[in-house]
């Protein structure tokens, strides 16, 4: 699926209810266009976040916190 974040930096769900299945997934955040739109350059043109779903019944929230020269992510609730 492909999504664009809204004004709050959030996107609509990537998968339909009842998904995803257990397994390993990768999110690709294209960060360079975001920073360019703000008139900045960035060190990381994109960020990949790879994670494993072990319990598909749990809600998933994968936040990405970025600055032009750093990023961090965690498993949100």
N, C-alpha and C. Protein backbone atom coordinates (compact mmCIF):
# COMPACT_ATOMS: atom_id res chain seq x y z
N UNK A 1 0.85 -1.19 0.00
CA UNK A 1 0.00 0.00 0.00
C UNK A 1 0.88 1.24 0.00
N UNK A 2 0.34 2.33 -0.44
CA UNK A 2 1.07 3.60 -0.47
C UNK A 2 0.18 4.65 0.15
N UNK A 3 0.75 5.43 1.07
CA UNK A 3 0.00 6.48 1.74
C UNK A 3 0.85 7.73 1.84
N UNK A 4 0.18 8.87 2.00
CA UNK A 4 0.83 10.16 2.24
C UNK A 4 0.32 10.66 3.58
N UNK A 5 1.22 11.18 4.38
CA UNK A 5 0.80 11.66 5.70
C UNK A 5 -0.04 12.92 5.59
N UNK A 6 -0.90 13.12 6.59
CA UNK A 6 -1.75 14.31 6.62
C UNK A 6 -1.02 15.43 7.35
N UNK A 7 -1.73 16.51 7.64
CA UNK A 7 -1.12 17.68 8.28
C UNK A 7 -0.57 17.36 9.67
N UNK A 8 -1.11 16.33 10.32
CA UNK A 8 -0.61 15.91 11.64
C UNK A 8 0.51 14.88 11.54
N UNK A 9 0.92 14.54 10.31
CA UNK A 9 1.98 13.56 10.13
C UNK A 9 1.51 12.13 10.25
N UNK A 10 0.22 11.91 10.14
CA UNK A 10 -0.33 10.55 10.24
C UNK A 10 -0.88 10.13 8.89
N UNK A 11 -1.00 8.82 8.71
CA UNK A 11 -1.60 8.32 7.47
C UNK A 11 -2.74 7.37 7.82
N UNK A 12 -3.60 7.18 6.85
CA UNK A 12 -4.71 6.24 7.02
C UNK A 12 -4.14 4.84 7.17
N UNK A 13 -4.91 3.91 7.73
CA UNK A 13 -4.40 2.54 7.88
C UNK A 13 -3.87 1.99 6.56
N UNK A 14 -2.78 1.24 6.66
CA UNK A 14 -2.15 0.66 5.48
C UNK A 14 -2.80 -0.63 5.04
N UNK A 15 -3.43 -1.31 5.97
CA UNK A 15 -4.05 -2.60 5.65
C UNK A 15 -5.48 -2.60 6.16
N UNK A 16 -6.29 -3.46 5.59
CA UNK A 16 -7.69 -3.58 5.99
C UNK A 16 -7.80 -4.23 7.36
N UNK A 17 -8.92 -4.00 8.06
CA UNK A 17 -9.13 -4.66 9.35
C UNK A 17 -8.98 -6.17 9.20
N UNK A 18 -8.40 -6.79 10.22
CA UNK A 18 -8.17 -8.23 10.17
C UNK A 18 -6.81 -8.59 9.59
N UNK A 19 -6.10 -7.60 9.09
CA UNK A 19 -4.76 -7.81 8.57
C UNK A 19 -3.83 -7.00 9.43
N UNK A 20 -2.59 -7.13 9.45
CA UNK A 20 -1.78 -8.01 8.63
C UNK A 20 -1.67 -9.40 9.23
N UNK A 21 -1.18 -10.32 8.47
CA UNK A 21 -0.89 -11.65 8.97
C UNK A 21 0.44 -11.59 9.72
N UNK A 22 0.69 -12.59 10.53
CA UNK A 22 1.99 -12.66 11.20
C UNK A 22 3.08 -12.71 10.14
N UNK A 23 4.20 -12.04 10.41
CA UNK A 23 5.30 -12.03 9.47
C UNK A 23 6.16 -10.80 9.63
N UNK A 24 7.11 -10.63 8.74
CA UNK A 24 8.03 -9.49 8.77
C UNK A 24 7.61 -8.50 7.69
N UNK A 25 7.59 -7.22 8.06
CA UNK A 25 7.13 -6.15 7.16
C UNK A 25 8.17 -5.04 7.10
N UNK A 26 8.09 -4.24 6.04
CA UNK A 26 8.99 -3.10 5.89
C UNK A 26 8.17 -1.89 5.49
N UNK A 27 8.38 -0.78 6.20
CA UNK A 27 7.81 0.51 5.83
C UNK A 27 8.93 1.36 5.25
N UNK A 28 8.66 2.03 4.15
CA UNK A 28 9.63 2.93 3.53
C UNK A 28 9.05 4.34 3.63
N UNK A 29 9.75 5.20 4.34
CA UNK A 29 9.36 6.59 4.50
C UNK A 29 10.25 7.44 3.59
N UNK A 30 9.66 8.09 2.60
CA UNK A 30 10.42 8.95 1.70
C UNK A 30 10.53 10.33 2.36
N UNK A 31 11.65 10.59 3.00
CA UNK A 31 11.81 11.79 3.82
C UNK A 31 12.37 12.99 3.07
N UNK A 32 13.14 12.77 2.00
CA UNK A 32 13.74 13.89 1.28
C UNK A 32 12.69 14.86 0.71
N UNK A 33 11.62 14.37 0.08
CA UNK A 33 10.63 15.31 -0.44
C UNK A 33 9.98 16.16 0.66
N UNK A 34 9.80 15.57 1.82
CA UNK A 34 9.23 16.32 2.95
C UNK A 34 10.14 17.50 3.32
N UNK A 35 11.42 17.21 3.51
CA UNK A 35 12.35 18.27 3.90
C UNK A 35 12.55 19.29 2.79
N UNK A 36 12.60 18.83 1.55
CA UNK A 36 12.73 19.76 0.43
C UNK A 36 11.53 20.71 0.37
N UNK A 37 10.35 20.20 0.66
CA UNK A 37 9.16 21.03 0.68
C UNK A 37 9.20 22.11 1.74
N UNK A 38 10.01 21.89 2.77
CA UNK A 38 10.18 22.89 3.83
C UNK A 38 11.41 23.76 3.60
N UNK A 39 12.09 23.55 2.48
CA UNK A 39 13.27 24.34 2.16
C UNK A 39 14.54 23.88 2.84
N UNK A 40 14.57 22.62 3.28
CA UNK A 40 15.74 22.05 3.95
C UNK A 40 16.32 20.92 3.11
N UNK A 41 17.57 20.62 3.35
CA UNK A 41 18.14 19.39 2.81
C UNK A 41 18.14 18.39 3.95
N UNK A 42 18.31 17.13 3.62
CA UNK A 42 18.35 16.11 4.67
C UNK A 42 19.45 15.11 4.37
N UNK A 43 19.95 14.51 5.40
CA UNK A 43 21.01 13.52 5.27
C UNK A 43 20.46 12.18 4.81
N UNK A 44 19.24 11.85 5.24
CA UNK A 44 18.61 10.57 4.91
C UNK A 44 17.50 10.80 3.87
N UNK A 45 17.68 10.33 2.64
CA UNK A 45 16.64 10.53 1.62
C UNK A 45 15.40 9.68 1.88
N UNK A 46 15.58 8.59 2.59
CA UNK A 46 14.45 7.75 3.00
C UNK A 46 14.85 6.97 4.24
N UNK A 47 13.85 6.45 4.93
CA UNK A 47 14.07 5.64 6.12
C UNK A 47 13.27 4.35 5.95
N UNK A 48 13.92 3.22 6.15
CA UNK A 48 13.23 1.93 6.13
C UNK A 48 13.10 1.43 7.56
N UNK A 49 11.91 0.99 7.91
CA UNK A 49 11.66 0.41 9.23
C UNK A 49 11.15 -1.00 8.99
N UNK A 50 11.90 -1.97 9.48
CA UNK A 50 11.54 -3.38 9.33
C UNK A 50 11.10 -3.89 10.70
N UNK A 51 9.97 -4.58 10.74
CA UNK A 51 9.44 -5.07 12.01
C UNK A 51 8.72 -6.39 11.81
N UNK A 52 8.52 -7.10 12.90
CA UNK A 52 7.86 -8.40 12.86
C UNK A 52 6.53 -8.34 13.60
N UNK A 53 5.49 -8.81 12.96
CA UNK A 53 4.17 -8.94 13.58
C UNK A 53 4.05 -10.36 14.09
N UNK A 54 3.90 -10.51 15.41
CA UNK A 54 3.74 -11.84 15.99
C UNK A 54 2.30 -12.12 16.38
N UNK A 55 1.55 -11.06 16.70
CA UNK A 55 0.14 -11.20 17.08
C UNK A 55 -0.69 -10.28 16.20
N UNK A 56 -1.26 -10.79 15.12
CA UNK A 56 -2.02 -9.95 14.20
C UNK A 56 -3.23 -9.27 14.83
N UNK A 57 -3.69 -9.76 15.99
CA UNK A 57 -4.85 -9.17 16.64
C UNK A 57 -4.51 -7.85 17.34
N UNK A 58 -3.23 -7.61 17.62
CA UNK A 58 -2.83 -6.37 18.30
C UNK A 58 -2.81 -5.21 17.32
N UNK A 59 -3.21 -4.04 17.82
CA UNK A 59 -3.15 -2.83 17.00
C UNK A 59 -1.68 -2.43 16.83
N UNK A 60 -1.33 -2.00 15.63
CA UNK A 60 0.04 -1.60 15.36
C UNK A 60 0.11 -0.09 15.13
N UNK A 61 1.08 0.52 15.74
CA UNK A 61 1.36 1.95 15.57
C UNK A 61 2.87 2.08 15.49
N UNK A 62 3.38 2.52 14.35
CA UNK A 62 4.83 2.59 14.14
C UNK A 62 5.20 4.05 13.86
N UNK A 63 5.49 4.82 14.92
CA UNK A 63 5.85 6.22 14.72
C UNK A 63 7.29 6.39 14.23
N UNK A 64 7.48 7.41 13.41
CA UNK A 64 8.81 7.79 12.96
C UNK A 64 9.00 9.25 13.32
N UNK A 65 10.01 9.54 14.11
CA UNK A 65 10.34 10.90 14.51
C UNK A 65 11.57 11.31 13.73
N UNK A 66 11.48 12.43 13.00
CA UNK A 66 12.58 12.81 12.11
C UNK A 66 13.03 14.24 12.33
N UNK A 67 14.28 14.46 12.03
CA UNK A 67 14.86 15.80 11.88
C UNK A 67 15.71 15.71 10.61
N UNK A 68 16.23 16.81 10.10
CA UNK A 68 17.00 16.71 8.85
C UNK A 68 18.20 15.76 8.94
N UNK A 69 18.73 15.54 10.15
CA UNK A 69 19.95 14.73 10.26
C UNK A 69 19.84 13.57 11.24
N UNK A 70 18.63 13.21 11.61
CA UNK A 70 18.46 12.05 12.50
C UNK A 70 17.03 11.54 12.41
N UNK A 71 16.85 10.31 12.90
CA UNK A 71 15.51 9.76 13.02
C UNK A 71 15.50 8.71 14.11
N UNK A 72 14.31 8.43 14.62
CA UNK A 72 14.13 7.36 15.58
C UNK A 72 12.74 6.80 15.39
N UNK A 73 12.56 5.57 15.79
CA UNK A 73 11.24 4.93 15.72
C UNK A 73 11.09 4.02 16.92
N UNK A 74 9.87 3.63 17.18
CA UNK A 74 9.58 2.74 18.30
C UNK A 74 8.24 2.09 18.05
N UNK A 75 7.92 1.11 18.82
CA UNK A 75 6.61 0.48 18.71
C UNK A 75 5.66 1.23 19.61
N UNK A 76 4.73 1.92 19.01
CA UNK A 76 3.75 2.69 19.78
C UNK A 76 2.60 1.79 20.22
N UNK A 77 1.73 2.36 21.02
CA UNK A 77 0.58 1.58 21.50
C UNK A 77 -0.70 2.12 20.91
